Amino acid sequence: MDNKLNETEQIFSEYFEALNKANEVKQNTSIPQTALMIQYMQLAESYEKLLKTSVRVAKLGDKAQHKLMKYKELLDTFRNID
C-alpha cells in the first residue's frame, strides 16, 4: 500500500497495515502452522475491529443524512411560506 493515504484512508490505516501483513504471510509458503494460526487470529481480530469501525462510520453518516434531510425540509417549508 502506498504510504500516502488520503484523509479518509487515514481512518483505516491500521487495517491497511493488517492487510499488508496478511499478504506477506500469504506469500510465505513455508510458514509454520503455529505462526500461521497466530497470524490468522490477528487478522480475525483486525477484521472485527474494522467491522465495528465501519458500523460506527455508517451510523455517523446516517445521522448526518438525517439532519440534512430535516434542514432541507425546513428550508422547503420556509420557501413555501413566501
Foldseek 3Di string as FASTA:
>chain_A
DDPDDDPVCVVVVVVVVLVVVVVVVVVDPPDDPVVVVVNVVVNVVSVVVVVVVVVVVVVVVVVVVVVVVVVVVVVVVVVVVD
